[in-house]
Amino acid sequence: MIIHQHGRLRALAEDGRWPELLAAYRQGRAAAVAEAGEEAAAVLTAPLGHLIAYAAPPELAVRLFDRDGGAGTAAGVADHDAGPLWEVLATRHSWLRLAPLLGPVPVRRLVAHTRALLGEDLSYGAEPDPEGVPLRLEPWEAAGWDEAARVREYLPGGGARSALLTLPASREGLGEVELPPVARSAGRPDGPPVTRALEGLGALAPWAETACVRGQAPAAAALLARDRRVVGGYLPFALVYPALVRSAALERARGCAHGRLGLWRALAAMAGADGLDGPDGAGGAGGAGGAGGVDRGEVNALVGRMRCFTWQEPSAGLHHLHVVLEDPAGGVSWVVSGSQDL
């Protein structure tokens, strides 16, 4: 089995014998699928897959995902070592190199959005995203973080470096805030846009709690904060955006492209919730978050007016996220709060 042959396989890599390594990967993966199932096979073969995705010429590395080797031989979107194999590949080569070579549509889409996160403008020369998510970063997406920190930094022999998810990261710019008392049964809007927004935020951070209230950010924070008196304050959305994207990539099987796509879906649904009226939210527009995909203009308008409130909790895990996204025009606030140890 591949796991017992690392020394020989690395020697082949040093000699540039990539076709032999790809053959070993495919043979090992198919055997592991037959013996232990798809999930176990992905784990057993991931170290060799990482090596190929990281260091092989792109013409060969993309064949990790091709099904021309037979049943069980191809990596899927969930195959991962320190991170998804498609994300490793996307960090190593430009879209110009990869576009003519990549076949499987799900892998192709995730690679494209990873390249967009890394600063490439794919709005010309790439097929449009099926949900309408732009293939280049909006200014508010690029403003809050350095290009080098947007995706895990993968290492040639396996492993990766990635920034901790911490929001807030420190007490800087924060002060003592008295949160208002909020009845947990009151002030909760309803309707398809709100449901879609909460589902989107929940998918970004499945380890966190989410909620929505009709009202301002402190009222939403009061729903999930442990104490009425907190250290908190407002931040620009550009500084909140990186943490929301990273929250989807805490699991090694997922990459930051998942976070970007999920956040655009959530923002589109929030934009559709603008104008909710009545206690049941029956007046919601719903258009931006509907089946037709995202409306870039409405999302940009929402981000432009959004107010973001963050606060500290007394015992946060090494990964933590405490934030409210308030839409002053719609009078609605969404809160995401949770922590996770490494």
Protein backbone atom coordinates (compact mmCIF):
# COMPACT_ATOMS: atom_id res chain seq x y z
CA MET A 1 0.00 0.00 0.00
CA ILE A 2 1.13 3.56 -0.72
CA ILE A 3 1.49 4.48 2.93
CA HIS A 4 4.36 1.98 3.27
CA GLN A 5 6.26 3.22 0.22
CA HIS A 6 6.83 6.91 1.00
CA GLY A 7 10.62 6.71 0.75
CA ARG A 8 10.59 5.08 -2.68
CA LEU A 9 7.87 7.42 -3.95
CA ARG A 10 9.77 10.50 -2.82
CA ALA A 11 12.85 9.20 -4.64
CA LEU A 12 10.77 8.92 -7.80
CA ALA A 13 9.58 12.50 -7.28
CA GLU A 14 13.14 13.75 -6.92
CA ASP A 15 13.93 12.06 -10.24
CA GLY A 16 10.89 13.67 -11.88
CA ARG A 17 9.25 10.32 -12.65
CA TRP A 18 5.74 11.74 -12.40
CA PRO A 19 3.93 9.29 -14.72
CA GLU A 20 5.05 6.44 -12.46
CA LEU A 21 3.87 8.34 -9.41
CA LEU A 22 0.49 9.03 -10.96
CA ALA A 23 0.18 5.33 -11.83
CA ALA A 24 1.07 4.41 -8.23
CA TYR A 25 -1.52 6.89 -6.92
CA ARG A 26 -4.25 5.50 -9.15
CA GLN A 27 -3.42 1.89 -8.42
CA GLY A 28 -3.24 2.52 -4.67
CA ARG A 29 -6.46 4.53 -4.58
CA ALA A 30 -8.45 1.97 -6.55
CA ALA A 31 -7.17 -0.86 -4.32
CA ALA A 32 -8.03 1.12 -1.18
CA VAL A 33 -11.53 1.91 -2.48
CA ALA A 34 -12.13 -1.79 -3.14
CA GLU A 35 -10.80 -2.79 0.28
CA ALA A 36 -11.98 -0.03 2.61
CA GLY A 37 -14.27 2.35 0.73
CA GLU A 38 -14.00 5.81 -0.79
CA GLU A 39 -13.45 7.79 2.41
CA ALA A 40 -10.62 5.57 3.67
CA ALA A 41 -9.01 5.52 0.22
CA ALA A 42 -8.92 9.31 0.10
CA VAL A 43 -7.07 9.39 3.42
CA LEU A 44 -4.57 6.65 2.56
CA THR A 45 -3.58 8.11 -0.79
CA ALA A 46 -3.70 11.82 0.16
CA PRO A 47 0.03 12.23 0.98
CA LEU A 48 1.02 11.04 -2.50
CA GLY A 49 -1.77 13.12 -4.02
CA HIS A 50 -0.40 16.18 -2.21
CA LEU A 51 3.09 15.49 -3.55
CA ILE A 52 1.80 15.26 -7.12
CA ALA A 53 -0.50 18.28 -6.87
CA TYR A 54 2.29 20.38 -5.35
CA ALA A 55 5.30 19.49 -7.46
CA ALA A 56 4.31 17.71 -10.67
CA PRO A 57 4.03 19.62 -13.96
CA PRO A 58 0.45 20.90 -14.31
CA GLU A 59 -0.17 18.72 -17.37
CA LEU A 60 0.25 15.69 -15.14
CA ALA A 61 -1.00 17.06 -11.81
CA VAL A 62 -4.48 17.79 -13.18
CA ARG A 63 -4.83 14.09 -14.06
CA LEU A 64 -5.28 13.35 -10.36
CA PHE A 65 -8.91 14.32 -10.96
CA ASP A 66 -9.45 12.59 -14.32
CA ARG A 67 -11.49 9.40 -14.43
CA ASP A 68 -9.65 7.91 -17.40
CA GLY A 69 -7.78 5.54 -15.08
CA GLY A 70 -10.88 3.59 -14.17
CA ALA A 71 -13.19 3.22 -11.19
CA GLY A 72 -11.86 4.53 -7.88
CA THR A 73 -8.68 6.04 -9.32
CA ALA A 74 -9.63 9.73 -9.44
CA ALA A 75 -9.41 12.20 -6.58
CA GLY A 76 -12.63 14.05 -5.78
CA VAL A 77 -13.25 17.50 -4.35
CA ALA A 78 -13.04 16.12 -0.78
CA ASP A 79 -9.68 14.30 -1.16
CA HIS A 80 -7.27 16.07 1.14
CA ASP A 81 -4.10 15.87 3.17
CA ALA A 82 -3.29 19.19 4.85
CA GLY A 83 -5.97 20.66 2.59
CA PRO A 84 -7.95 19.73 -0.53
CA LEU A 85 -5.78 18.45 -3.37
CA TRP A 86 -7.45 20.88 -5.79
CA GLU A 87 -6.46 23.79 -3.54
CA VAL A 88 -2.85 22.59 -3.44
CA LEU A 89 -2.89 22.52 -7.24
CA ALA A 90 -4.50 25.96 -7.47
CA THR A 91 -1.78 27.55 -5.33
CA ARG A 92 0.94 26.26 -7.65
CA HIS A 93 -0.16 27.35 -11.14
CA SER A 94 -2.00 30.23 -12.78
CA TRP A 95 -5.44 29.84 -14.31
CA LEU A 96 -3.84 30.40 -17.71
CA ARG A 97 -1.84 27.19 -17.21
CA LEU A 98 -4.63 25.17 -15.63
CA ALA A 99 -7.70 26.20 -17.65
CA PRO A 100 -6.95 24.15 -20.80
CA LEU A 101 -6.14 21.09 -18.70
CA LEU A 102 -8.77 20.81 -15.97
CA GLY A 103 -11.75 18.64 -16.78
CA PRO A 104 -14.16 17.88 -13.90
CA VAL A 105 -16.56 20.81 -13.46
CA PRO A 106 -16.68 20.88 -9.61
CA VAL A 107 -12.87 20.86 -9.36
CA ARG A 108 -12.57 23.42 -12.14
CA ARG A 109 -14.93 25.83 -10.37
CA LEU A 110 -13.16 25.60 -7.01
CA VAL A 111 -9.76 26.08 -8.63
CA ALA A 112 -11.06 29.15 -10.48
CA HIS A 113 -12.32 30.78 -7.28
CA THR A 114 -9.07 29.94 -5.51
CA ARG A 115 -7.15 31.73 -8.25
CA ALA A 116 -9.54 34.68 -7.88
CA LEU A 117 -8.81 34.77 -4.15
CA LEU A 118 -5.11 34.83 -4.98
CA GLY A 119 -5.61 37.96 -7.06
CA GLU A 120 -6.17 36.70 -10.60
CA ASP A 121 -8.85 38.40 -12.69
CA LEU A 122 -10.75 35.59 -14.40
CA SER A 123 -13.68 37.76 -15.48
CA TYR A 124 -12.38 37.55 -19.05
CA GLY A 125 -11.36 34.23 -20.56
CA ALA A 126 -13.10 31.93 -18.05
CA GLU A 127 -16.58 30.46 -18.18
CA PRO A 128 -19.03 32.44 -16.01
CA ASP A 129 -19.76 31.11 -12.55
CA PRO A 130 -23.09 29.20 -12.53
CA GLU A 131 -24.35 31.20 -9.54
CA GLY A 132 -23.06 34.53 -10.81
CA VAL A 133 -20.31 34.90 -8.21
CA PRO A 134 -17.72 37.21 -9.82
CA LEU A 135 -14.44 35.66 -10.92
CA ARG A 136 -12.40 38.56 -9.64
CA LEU A 137 -12.33 40.03 -6.16
CA GLU A 138 -14.47 43.05 -5.42
CA PRO A 139 -12.50 45.90 -3.77
CA TRP A 140 -14.02 45.09 -0.38
CA GLU A 141 -12.86 41.48 -0.72
CA ALA A 142 -9.25 42.42 -1.39
CA ALA A 143 -8.96 45.27 1.11
CA GLY A 144 -8.83 43.38 4.40
CA TRP A 145 -5.99 40.90 3.93
CA ASP A 146 -2.72 40.27 2.18
CA GLU A 147 -2.71 38.09 -0.92
CA ALA A 148 -0.31 35.61 0.69
CA ALA A 149 -2.73 34.95 3.58
CA ARG A 150 -5.87 34.25 1.56
CA VAL A 151 -5.28 30.52 1.10
CA ARG A 152 -3.28 27.96 3.08
CA GLU A 153 0.45 28.00 2.38
CA TYR A 154 1.21 24.43 1.36
CA LEU A 155 4.57 22.78 1.98
CA PRO A 156 6.27 20.52 -0.57
CA GLY A 157 6.59 17.48 1.71
CA GLY A 158 3.06 17.75 3.10
CA GLY A 159 1.41 19.99 5.63
CA ALA A 160 0.40 23.62 5.39
CA ARG A 161 0.50 26.93 7.20
CA SER A 162 -2.68 28.93 7.68
CA ALA A 163 -3.70 31.89 9.78
CA LEU A 164 -5.74 31.37 12.93
CA LEU A 165 -9.39 32.30 12.67
CA THR A 166 -9.86 34.98 15.33
CA LEU A 167 -12.56 37.65 15.27
CA PRO A 168 -12.00 39.80 17.15
CA ALA A 169 -8.26 39.19 17.07
CA SER A 170 -7.49 41.60 19.93
CA ARG A 171 -8.99 44.34 22.10
CA GLU A 172 -7.61 47.04 19.83
CA GLY A 173 -10.35 49.48 18.85
CA LEU A 174 -12.87 47.84 21.19
CA GLY A 175 -14.39 49.13 24.41
CA GLU A 176 -16.90 48.16 27.07
CA VAL A 177 -20.42 47.85 25.69
CA GLU A 178 -23.65 47.17 27.56
CA LEU A 179 -25.79 44.93 25.38
CA PRO A 180 -29.56 45.46 25.56
CA PRO A 181 -31.84 42.86 27.12
CA VAL A 182 -33.47 40.84 24.36
CA ALA A 183 -36.36 38.43 24.68
CA ARG A 184 -35.26 35.33 22.80
CA SER A 185 -38.78 34.80 21.45
CA ALA A 186 -39.28 38.31 20.07
CA GLY A 187 -38.14 40.31 17.10
CA ARG A 188 -37.14 37.43 14.83
CA PRO A 189 -37.96 38.02 11.15
CA ASP A 190 -38.89 35.12 8.94
CA GLY A 191 -39.19 34.35 5.25
CA PRO A 192 -37.18 32.59 2.52
CA PRO A 193 -34.40 35.23 2.26
CA VAL A 194 -33.76 35.10 6.01
CA THR A 195 -33.80 31.30 5.98
CA ARG A 196 -31.34 31.20 3.08
CA ALA A 197 -29.06 33.71 4.77
CA LEU A 198 -29.00 31.71 8.01
CA GLU A 199 -28.40 28.48 6.11
CA GLY A 200 -25.52 30.13 4.25
CA LEU A 201 -23.93 31.46 7.43
CA GLY A 202 -24.42 28.10 9.12
CA ALA A 203 -22.64 26.36 6.25
CA LEU A 204 -19.73 28.78 6.57
CA ALA A 205 -19.23 28.00 10.25
CA PRO A 206 -21.07 24.78 11.19
CA TRP A 207 -19.37 24.88 14.61
CA ALA A 208 -21.00 28.25 15.45
CA GLU A 209 -24.50 29.41 16.33
CA THR A 210 -26.41 31.73 14.02
CA ALA A 211 -29.50 33.87 14.52
CA CYS A 212 -31.37 36.80 12.98
CA VAL A 213 -33.24 39.63 14.68
CA ARG A 214 -35.14 42.67 13.61
CA GLY A 215 -33.04 45.44 15.09
CA GLN A 216 -29.53 46.76 15.46
CA ALA A 217 -26.31 44.81 15.93
CA PRO A 218 -26.05 44.98 19.76
CA ALA A 219 -29.54 43.43 20.06
CA ALA A 220 -28.44 40.55 17.84
CA ALA A 221 -25.20 40.09 19.78
CA ALA A 222 -27.21 39.89 23.00
CA LEU A 223 -28.89 36.73 21.72
CA LEU A 224 -25.65 34.73 21.73
CA ALA A 225 -23.20 36.64 23.94
CA ARG A 226 -22.59 35.07 27.34
CA ASP A 227 -22.70 38.37 29.24
CA ARG A 228 -24.59 41.64 28.93
CA ARG A 229 -21.40 43.67 29.40
CA VAL A 230 -18.82 42.86 26.74
CA VAL A 231 -15.68 44.26 25.17
CA GLY A 232 -16.81 45.03 21.67
CA GLY A 233 -17.13 47.53 18.86
CA TYR A 234 -17.68 48.10 15.15
CA LEU A 235 -15.32 47.04 12.36
CA PRO A 236 -15.40 47.66 8.60
CA PHE A 237 -16.76 44.72 6.64
CA ALA A 238 -13.44 44.44 4.80
CA LEU A 239 -11.82 43.37 8.08
CA VAL A 240 -14.60 40.89 8.86
CA TYR A 241 -14.62 39.29 5.41
CA PRO A 242 -11.36 37.26 5.77
CA ALA A 243 -12.58 35.57 8.95
CA LEU A 244 -15.89 34.63 7.36
CA VAL A 245 -14.11 33.09 4.35
CA ARG A 246 -11.62 31.20 6.54
CA SER A 247 -14.39 29.86 8.77
CA ALA A 248 -15.45 27.46 6.01
CA ALA A 249 -11.93 26.09 5.62
CA LEU A 250 -11.22 24.98 9.19
CA GLU A 251 -11.92 21.42 8.09
CA ARG A 252 -9.03 20.19 5.95
CA ALA A 253 -11.40 18.75 3.35
CA ARG A 254 -12.62 22.25 2.51
CA GLY A 255 -10.79 25.22 1.04
CA CYS A 256 -11.17 28.97 1.09
CA ALA A 257 -13.02 28.84 -2.25
CA HIS A 258 -15.84 27.14 -0.33
CA GLY A 259 -15.83 30.10 2.04
CA ARG A 260 -15.95 32.69 -0.72
CA LEU A 261 -18.78 30.95 -2.58
CA GLY A 262 -20.75 30.37 0.62
CA LEU A 263 -20.39 33.95 1.76
CA TRP A 264 -21.59 35.33 -1.58
CA ARG A 265 -24.66 33.09 -1.30
CA ALA A 266 -25.34 34.35 2.21
CA LEU A 267 -24.86 38.00 1.24
CA ALA A 268 -27.17 37.57 -1.75
CA ALA A 269 -29.85 36.19 0.55
CA MET A 270 -29.32 39.06 3.01
CA ALA A 271 -29.74 41.55 0.19
CA GLY A 272 -33.00 39.80 -0.70
CA ALA A 273 -34.19 40.25 2.88
CA ASP A 274 -34.07 44.06 2.54
CA GLY A 275 -37.52 45.54 2.95
CA LEU A 276 -39.05 42.82 5.12
CA ASP A 277 -42.29 44.06 6.62
CA GLY A 278 -44.59 42.69 9.28
CA PRO A 279 -43.76 40.14 11.99
CA ASP A 280 -43.53 37.24 9.54
CA GLY A 281 -41.31 39.01 6.99
CA ALA A 282 -43.83 38.45 4.19
CA GLY A 283 -42.69 41.53 2.31
CA GLY A 284 -39.14 40.33 1.60
CA ALA A 285 -37.99 40.87 -1.97
CA GLY A 286 -36.01 37.62 -2.18
CA GLY A 287 -34.70 38.27 -5.67
CA ALA A 288 -30.98 38.49 -4.90
CA GLY A 289 -30.86 35.17 -3.10
CA GLY A 290 -33.21 33.26 -5.36
CA ALA A 291 -32.63 30.38 -7.71
CA GLY A 292 -31.18 32.69 -10.36
CA GLY A 293 -28.03 33.25 -8.35
CA VAL A 294 -26.45 36.32 -6.84
CA ASP A 295 -27.01 39.91 -7.91
CA ARG A 296 -23.58 41.51 -7.79
CA GLY A 297 -24.95 45.05 -7.64
CA GLU A 298 -27.25 44.29 -4.72
CA VAL A 299 -24.48 42.51 -2.82
CA ASN A 300 -22.11 45.45 -3.35
CA ALA A 301 -24.81 47.86 -2.15
CA LEU A 302 -25.43 45.74 0.94
CA VAL A 303 -21.72 45.56 1.79
CA GLY A 304 -21.45 49.32 1.32
CA ARG A 305 -24.07 50.06 3.96
CA MET A 306 -23.47 47.12 6.31
CA ARG A 307 -22.43 47.68 9.92
CA CYS A 308 -20.37 44.92 11.58
CA PHE A 309 -20.20 44.50 15.35
CA THR A 310 -17.76 42.15 17.09
CA TRP A 311 -17.15 41.29 20.72
CA GLN A 312 -14.89 39.21 22.90
CA GLU A 313 -15.97 36.21 24.92
CA PRO A 314 -14.23 35.33 28.21
CA SER A 315 -13.01 31.89 27.11
CA ALA A 316 -12.75 31.66 23.34
CA GLY A 317 -11.18 28.69 21.62
CA LEU A 318 -8.09 29.04 19.47
CA HIS A 319 -10.49 29.55 16.57
CA HIS A 320 -13.31 31.96 17.37
CA LEU A 321 -15.79 34.09 15.51
CA HIS A 322 -18.18 36.56 17.14
CA VAL A 323 -19.76 38.99 14.70
CA VAL A 324 -23.04 40.66 13.79
CA LEU A 325 -23.81 41.77 10.23
CA GLU A 326 -26.38 44.56 10.37
CA ASP A 327 -28.28 45.90 7.38
CA PRO A 328 -29.52 49.37 8.45
CA ALA A 329 -31.74 49.69 5.38
CA GLY A 330 -33.57 46.44 6.04
CA GLY A 331 -33.53 46.80 9.82
CA VAL A 332 -32.25 43.24 10.15
CA SER A 333 -29.11 41.86 11.85
CA TRP A 334 -27.50 38.44 11.50
CA VAL A 335 -25.23 37.09 14.23
CA VAL A 336 -22.62 34.31 14.07
CA SER A 337 -20.88 33.24 17.27
CA GLY A 338 -18.79 30.22 18.19
CA SER A 339 -15.35 28.88 18.98
CA GLN A 340 -13.42 25.73 18.19
CA ASP A 341 -10.22 24.31 19.60
CA LEU A 342 -7.51 23.06 17.26
